[in-house]
C-alpha atoms as a PDB file:
ATOM      1  CA  MET A   1      69.907 -67.917  80.920  1.00  0.00           C
ATOM      2  CA  SER A   2      71.631 -71.011  80.944  1.00  0.00           C
ATOM      3  CA  THR A   3      71.234 -74.603  81.648  1.00  0.00           C
ATOM      4  CA  ALA A   4      74.083 -75.279  83.680  1.00  0.00           C
ATOM      5  CA  THR A   5      73.640 -73.174  86.009  1.00  0.00           C
ATOM      6  CA  GLN A   6      70.475 -74.425  86.483  1.00  0.00           C
ATOM      7  CA  ILE A   7      71.394 -78.401  86.040  1.00  0.00           C
ATOM      8  CA  GLY A   8      72.323 -79.813  89.183  1.00  0.00           C
ATOM      9  CA  PRO A   9      75.534 -82.546  89.633  1.00  0.00           C
ATOM     10  CA  ILE A  10      73.137 -85.691  89.856  1.00  0.00           C
ATOM     11  CA  ARG A  11      71.438 -84.336  86.177  1.00  0.00           C
ATOM     12  CA  ARG A  12      74.563 -83.864  84.785  1.00  0.00           C
ATOM     13  CA  ALA A  13      76.264 -86.647  85.136  1.00  0.00           C
ATOM     14  CA  TRP A  14      73.015 -88.607  84.116  1.00  0.00           C
ATOM     15  CA  TYR A  15      73.016 -86.474  81.414  1.00  0.00           C
ATOM     16  CA  GLN A  16      76.701 -87.446  80.509  1.00  0.00           C
ATOM     17  CA  TRP A  17      75.892 -90.921  80.918  1.00  0.00           C
ATOM     18  CA  LYS A  18      72.943 -91.129  78.466  1.00  0.00           C
ATOM     19  CA  ALA A  19      75.806 -89.195  75.940  1.00  0.00           C
ATOM     20  CA  LEU A  20      77.879 -91.497  75.627  1.00  0.00           C
ATOM     21  CA  ARG A  21      77.407 -94.069  72.055  1.00  0.00           C
ATOM     22  CA  PHE A  22      77.640 -96.913  73.393  1.00  0.00           C
ATOM     23  CA  PRO A  23      77.283 -99.747  70.942  1.00  0.00           C
ATOM     24  CA  TRP A  24      74.751-101.509  72.427  1.00  0.00           C
ATOM     25  CA  ARG A  25      72.233 -98.731  73.590  1.00  0.00           C
ATOM     26  CA  LYS A  26      69.183 -97.570  70.260  1.00  0.00           C
ATOM     27  CA  GLN A  27      69.372 -94.482  71.914  1.00  0.00           C
ATOM     28  CA  PHE A  28      71.492 -90.980  72.985  1.00  0.00           C
ATOM     29  CA  LEU A  29      71.572 -87.700  74.338  1.00  0.00           C
ATOM     30  CA  VAL A  30      72.348 -84.645  71.852  1.00  0.00           C
ATOM     31  CA  GLY A  31      72.349 -81.561  74.374  1.00  0.00           C
ATOM     32  CA  LEU A  32      69.381 -79.346  75.573  1.00  0.00           C
ATOM     33  CA  ASP A  33      68.541 -75.892  74.949  1.00  0.00           C
ATOM     34  CA  LEU A  34      68.096 -73.283  77.550  1.00  0.00           C
ATOM     35  CA  GLN A  35      64.197 -74.324  78.312  1.00  0.00           C
ATOM     36  CA  GLY A  36      64.958 -77.373  79.327  1.00  0.00           C
ATOM     37  CA  ASN A  37      63.876 -79.670  76.702  1.00  0.00           C
ATOM     38  CA  THR A  38      66.636 -82.714  75.669  1.00  0.00           C
ATOM     39  CA  TYR A  39      67.151 -83.393  72.623  1.00  0.00           C
ATOM     40  CA  TRP A  40      67.508 -87.266  71.289  1.00  0.00           C
ATOM     41  CA  GLU A  41      68.788 -89.694  68.599  1.00  0.00           C
ATOM     42  CA  PHE A  42      67.567 -93.180  68.618  1.00  0.00           C
ATOM     43  CA  ARG A  43      67.358 -95.460  66.247  1.00  0.00           C
ATOM     44  CA  LEU A  44      64.688 -98.477  65.566  1.00  0.00           C
ATOM     45  CA  SER A  45      67.584-101.580  65.412  1.00  0.00           C
ATOM     46  CA  ARG A  46      70.859-102.275  67.137  1.00  0.00           C
ATOM     47  CA  GLY A  47      73.155-104.091  65.053  1.00  0.00           C
ATOM     48  CA  ASP A  48      73.550-104.271  60.869  1.00  0.00           C
ATOM     49  CA  PRO A  49      74.832 -99.744  60.470  1.00  0.00           C
ATOM     50  CA  SER A  50      73.155-100.913  56.714  1.00  0.00           C
ATOM     51  CA  ALA A  51      69.351-101.963  57.801  1.00  0.00           C
ATOM     52  CA  PRO A  52      66.143 -99.775  56.269  1.00  0.00           C
ATOM     53  CA  ASP A  53      65.671 -99.487  60.521  1.00  0.00           C
ATOM     54  CA  SER A  54      69.452 -98.548  61.277  1.00  0.00           C
ATOM     55  CA  ARG A  55      68.814 -94.673  60.316  1.00  0.00           C
ATOM     56  CA  PHE A  56      69.605 -92.062  63.444  1.00  0.00           C
ATOM     57  CA  ARG A  57      66.218 -90.479  64.502  1.00  0.00           C
ATOM     58  CA  ARG A  58      66.176 -86.823  66.056  1.00  0.00           C
ATOM     59  CA  ILE A  59      63.325 -86.382  68.885  1.00  0.00           C
ATOM     60  CA  VAL A  60      63.366 -83.864  71.195  1.00  0.00           C
ATOM     61  CA  LYS A  61      61.636 -84.714  75.287  1.00  0.00           C
ATOM     62  CA  TYR A  62      60.173 -81.862  77.489  1.00  0.00           C
ATOM     63  CA  PRO A  63      60.280 -81.564  81.288  1.00  0.00           C
ATOM     64  CA  ARG A  64      56.987 -82.974  82.496  1.00  0.00           C
ATOM     65  CA  ALA A  65      55.751 -79.493  84.424  1.00  0.00           C
ATOM     66  CA  SER A  66      56.038 -78.139  81.413  1.00  0.00           C
ATOM     67  CA  HIS A  67      52.433 -77.753  79.641  1.00  0.00           C
ATOM     68  CA  LEU A  68      52.475 -78.416  75.837  1.00  0.00           C
ATOM     69  CA  SER A  69      51.282 -75.092  74.441  1.00  0.00           C
ATOM     70  CA  ASP A  70      54.406 -73.338  76.540  1.00  0.00           C
ATOM     71  CA  VAL A  71      56.981 -75.712  74.249  1.00  0.00           C
ATOM     72  CA  ALA A  72      59.711 -73.736  72.354  1.00  0.00           C
ATOM     73  CA  VAL A  73      62.057 -75.114  70.330  1.00  0.00           C
ATOM     74  CA  PRO A  74      64.757 -72.655  69.157  1.00  0.00           C
ATOM     75  CA  PRO A  75      65.072 -72.354  65.541  1.00  0.00           C
ATOM     76  CA  GLN A  76      68.743 -73.499  65.090  1.00  0.00           C
ATOM     77  CA  TRP A  77      67.579 -77.109  66.348  1.00  0.00           C
ATOM     78  CA  HIS A  78      64.515 -76.730  64.995  1.00  0.00           C
ATOM     79  CA  GLN A  79      67.486 -77.576  62.103  1.00  0.00           C
ATOM     80  CA  TRP A  80      69.075 -79.968  63.498  1.00  0.00           C
ATOM     81  CA  LEU A  81      65.840 -82.066  64.286  1.00  0.00           C
ATOM     82  CA  ARG A  82      64.722 -81.712  60.708  1.00  0.00           C
ATOM     83  CA  HIS A  83      68.568 -83.008  59.176  1.00  0.00           C
ATOM     84  CA  GLN A  84      68.757 -79.290  57.640  1.00  0.00           C
ATOM     85  CA  ARG A  85      71.894 -78.869  60.070  1.00  0.00           C
ATOM     86  CA  GLN A  86      74.421 -81.770  60.641  1.00  0.00           C
ATOM     87  CA  ARG A  87      76.591 -81.017  64.440  1.00  0.00           C
ATOM     88  CA  ALA A  88      73.408 -79.683  66.761  1.00  0.00           C
ATOM     89  CA  PRO A  89      73.986 -75.956  68.533  1.00  0.00           C
ATOM     90  CA  THR A  90      75.954 -76.075  71.292  1.00  0.00           C
ATOM     91  CA  ILE A  91      74.438 -73.211  74.837  1.00  0.00           C
ATOM     92  CA  GLN A  92      77.186 -70.960  74.589  1.00  0.00           C
ATOM     93  CA  GLU A  93      75.303 -70.276  70.566  1.00  0.00           C
ATOM     94  CA  LEU A  94      71.468 -70.292  71.794  1.00  0.00           C
ATOM     95  CA  ASN A  95      72.976 -67.768  74.363  1.00  0.00           C
ATOM     96  CA  SER A  96      74.876 -66.106  72.105  1.00  0.00           C
ATOM     97  CA  ASP A  97      71.110 -65.731  69.258  1.00  0.00           C
ATOM     98  CA  VAL A  98      69.215 -64.522  72.823  1.00  0.00           C
ATOM     99  CA  ALA A  99      71.900 -61.474  73.272  1.00  0.00           C
ATOM    100  CA  ARG A 100      71.989 -60.842  69.395  1.00  0.00           C
ATOM    101  CA  ARG A 101      68.298 -61.148  69.496  1.00  0.00           C
ATOM    102  CA  GLU A 102      68.151 -58.428  72.921  1.00  0.00           C
ATOM    103  CA  ARG A 103      70.058 -55.715  71.080  1.00  0.00           C
ATOM    104  CA  MET A 104      67.984 -56.188  67.705  1.00  0.00           C
ATOM    105  CA  LYS A 105      65.288 -54.715  70.385  1.00  0.00           C
ATOM    106  CA  VAL A 106      67.041 -52.171  71.203  1.00  0.00           C
ATOM    107  CA  LEU A 107      68.375 -50.716  67.523  1.00  0.00           C
ATOM    108  CA  ALA A 108      64.537 -51.000  66.542  1.00  0.00           C
ATOM    109  CA  ALA A 109      63.458 -48.964  70.060  1.00  0.00           C
ATOM    110  CA  ASP A 110      66.667 -46.580  68.908  1.00  0.00           C
ATOM    111  CA  ALA A 111      65.840 -46.437  64.690  1.00  0.00           C
ATOM    112  CA  ASP A 112      61.328 -46.185  65.860  1.00  0.00           C
ATOM    113  CA  ALA A 113      63.111 -42.534  68.372  1.00  0.00           C
ATOM    114  CA  ARG A 114      64.626 -41.689  65.497  1.00  0.00           C
ATOM    115  CA  TRP A 115      61.523 -42.486  63.357  1.00  0.00           C
ATOM    116  CA  GLU A 116      58.783 -40.229  65.652  1.00  0.00           C
ATOM    117  CA  ALA A 117      61.794 -37.408  66.405  1.00  0.00           C
ATOM    118  CA  LYS A 118      61.071 -36.267  61.879  1.00  0.00           C
ATOM    119  CA  PRO A 119      58.760 -34.064  61.428  1.00  0.00           C
ATOM    120  CA  SER A 120      55.306 -35.824  59.149  1.00  0.00           C
ATOM    121  CA  PHE A 121      53.267 -34.351  55.991  1.00  0.00           C
ATOM    122  CA  LEU A 122      51.099 -35.664  57.619  1.00  0.00           C
ATOM    123  CA  ASP A 123      51.855 -33.268  61.235  1.00  0.00           C
ATOM    124  CA  ALA A 124      49.572 -29.773  60.330  1.00  0.00           C
ATOM    125  CA  PRO A 125      52.364 -27.294  59.113  1.00  0.00           C
ATOM    126  CA  GLY A 126      54.152 -25.473  62.374  1.00  0.00           C
ATOM    127  CA  LYS A 127      53.352 -28.304  65.069  1.00  0.00           C
ATOM    128  CA  GLU A 128      56.043 -30.465  66.321  1.00  0.00           C
ATOM    129  CA  ARG A 129      54.742 -34.088  65.872  1.00  0.00           C
ATOM    130  CA  GLY A 130      53.380 -35.438  69.465  1.00  0.00           C
ATOM    131  CA  GLN A 131      52.757 -32.469  70.925  1.00  0.00           C
ATOM    132  CA  PRO A 132      49.765 -32.508  72.149  1.00  0.00           C
ATOM    133  CA  VAL A 133      47.119 -30.002  70.797  1.00  0.00           C
ATOM    134  CA  PRO A 134      45.667 -27.464  72.931  1.00  0.00           C
ATOM    135  CA  PRO A 135      41.215 -27.425  73.419  1.00  0.00           C
ATOM    136  CA  LEU A 136      40.071 -24.908  71.869  1.00  0.00           C
ATOM    137  CA  ASN A 137      37.799 -23.358  74.595  1.00  0.00           C
ATOM    138  CA  THR A 138      41.680 -22.956  76.393  1.00  0.00           C
ATOM    139  CA  ALA A 139      42.691 -21.639  73.135  1.00  0.00           C
ATOM    140  CA  ARG A 140      39.705 -19.188  72.743  1.00  0.00           C
ATOM    141  CA  THR A 141      37.363 -18.438  74.479  1.00  0.00           C
ATOM    142  CA  MET A 142      34.202 -18.527  71.981  1.00  0.00           C
ATOM    143  CA  GLN A 143      32.593 -15.449  71.243  1.00  0.00           C
ATOM    144  CA  LEU A 144      29.034 -15.259  70.030  1.00  0.00           C
ATOM    145  CA  PRO A 145      27.208 -12.766  67.358  1.00  0.00           C
ATOM    146  CA  SER A 146      24.502 -10.731  68.441  1.00  0.00           C
ATOM    147  CA  GLN A 147      21.087 -10.933  66.902  1.00  0.00           C
ATOM    148  CA  GLU A 148      22.456  -7.588  64.500  1.00  0.00           C
ATOM    149  CA  GLU A 149      25.427  -9.670  63.097  1.00  0.00           C
ATOM    150  CA  ARG A 150      23.200 -12.718  62.702  1.00  0.00           C
ATOM    151  CA  ALA A 151      20.697 -10.841  61.155  1.00  0.00           C
ATOM    152  CA  ALA A 152      23.417  -8.996  59.071  1.00  0.00           C
ATOM    153  CA  ALA A 153      25.479 -11.765  58.151  1.00  0.00           C
ATOM    154  CA  PRO A 154      23.053 -13.163  54.889  1.00  0.00           C
ATOM    155  CA  GLU A 155      22.865  -9.718  53.584  1.00  0.00           C
ATOM    156  CA  SER A 156      27.256 -10.093  53.613  1.00  0.00           C
ATOM    157  CA  ALA A 157      27.323 -12.610  52.092  1.00  0.00           C
ATOM    158  CA  THR A 158      25.545 -12.654  49.086  1.00  0.00           C
ATOM    159  CA  ARG A 159      26.952  -9.420  48.405  1.00  0.00           C
ATOM    160  CA  ASN A 160      31.120 -11.123  48.987  1.00  0.00           C
ATOM    161  CA  ALA A 161      29.449 -13.720  46.755  1.00  0.00           C
ATOM    162  CA  ALA A 162      28.316 -11.630  44.320  1.00  0.00           C
ATOM    163  CA  GLN A 163      32.082  -9.903  44.474  1.00  0.00           C
ATOM    164  CA  ARG A 164      33.365 -12.725  43.805  1.00  0.00           C
ATOM    165  CA  GLU A 165      31.561 -13.659  41.202  1.00  0.00           C
ATOM    166  CA  THR A 166      32.688 -11.825  38.501  1.00  0.00           C
ATOM    167  CA  PRO A 167      33.895  -7.684  38.117  1.00  0.00           C
ATOM    168  CA  PRO A 168      31.891  -6.425  36.912  1.00  0.00           C
ATOM    169  CA  GLY A 169      32.174  -5.654  32.848  1.00  0.00           C
ATOM    170  CA  LYS A 170      33.570  -9.321  32.221  1.00  0.00           C
ATOM    171  CA  GLU A 171      31.400 -12.485  31.775  1.00  0.00           C
ATOM    172  CA  ASP A 172      31.472 -15.414  33.072  1.00  0.00           C
ATOM    173  CA  PRO A 173      32.412 -18.166  31.238  1.00  0.00           C
ATOM    174  CA  TRP A 174      31.544 -21.041  32.855  1.00  0.00           C
ATOM    175  CA  LYS A 175      27.599 -19.975  33.342  1.00  0.00           C
ATOM    176  CA  ARG A 176      27.473 -20.078  29.392  1.00  0.00           C
ATOM    177  CA  ALA A 177      29.429 -23.597  29.795  1.00  0.00           C
ATOM    178  CA  LYS A 178      25.732 -25.013  32.221  1.00  0.00           C
ATOM    179  CA  ALA A 179      24.165 -23.377  30.387  1.00  0.00           C
ATOM    180  CA  THR A 180      24.593 -24.873  27.385  1.00  0.00           C
ATOM    181  CA  ALA A 181      25.504 -28.683  28.642  1.00  0.00           C
ATOM    182  CA  PRO A 182      24.035 -31.592  27.499  1.00  0.00           C
ATOM    183  CA  GLY A 183      23.245 -32.265  31.875  1.00  0.00           C
ATOM    184  CA  GLU A 184      22.192 -29.589  32.692  1.00  0.00           C
ATOM    185  CA  THR A 185      18.897 -29.025  32.689  1.00  0.00           C
ATOM    186  CA  TRP A 186      18.360 -33.137  31.970  1.00  0.00           C
ATOM    187  CA  GLN A 187      15.573 -34.472  34.708  1.00  0.00           C
ATOM    188  CA  PRO A 188      14.961 -38.087  35.477  1.00  0.00           C
ATOM    189  CA  GLU A 189      11.650 -39.297  34.099  1.00  0.00           C
ATOM    190  CA  ALA A 190       8.975 -42.375  35.178  1.00  0.00           C
ATOM    191  CA  TRP A 191      10.012 -45.173  33.633  1.00  0.00           C
ATOM    192  CA  SER A 192       6.882 -46.827  31.418  1.00  0.00           C
ATOM    193  CA  PRO A 193       8.430 -50.299  29.417  1.00  0.00           C
ATOM    194  CA  THR A 194       6.325 -50.914  25.939  1.00  0.00           C
ATOM    195  CA  SER A 195       4.993 -54.502  26.270  1.00  0.00           C
ATOM    196  CA  THR A 196       6.768 -56.343  24.016  1.00  0.00           C
ATOM    197  CA  LYS A 197       5.115 -59.470  21.096  1.00  0.00           C
ATOM    198  CA  LYS A 198       4.258 -62.936  21.846  1.00  0.00           C
ATOM    199  CA  ARG A 199       6.379 -64.082  19.978  1.00  0.00           C
END
């Protein structure tokens, strides 16, 4: 959005008049930005350029209708205000910076989409990233075990654990290490402090 299209002919003529650097003027218009802020150079005294008050100072004036929290100074004008750049930025430079930022947003969105499309180590194996996981109720119907199966479950669990422990005829080395480890048989005791002698 360019301010040149927003400014009327009378206001444009007034800005051109204020930008002329007559020797009797203390304040000169330098330029404007896309938000309608105007930037000025001024000196506190006229006349001798070697006087301490003759140094040019730079300020920004905001539109009267804008709230102070809504005022945004572009980085190029901010550099000019801080005397970090000599020449004031132009409207074309500000427009190209806005277009560059819009291009960067599009490129960043494309990069994010490419990154999201790649498989991740955090995903479950065999699952594509971004695919919804089906709920358990629709994926398979849960079948509750009968009473006979529930009664036989502890017996089969102990039988399976016994089969997994050690094959017949071999001794478990971990069982022997547990029995000889010093921390396996330790139990905490109640604290009974001893009395100290007075000095």
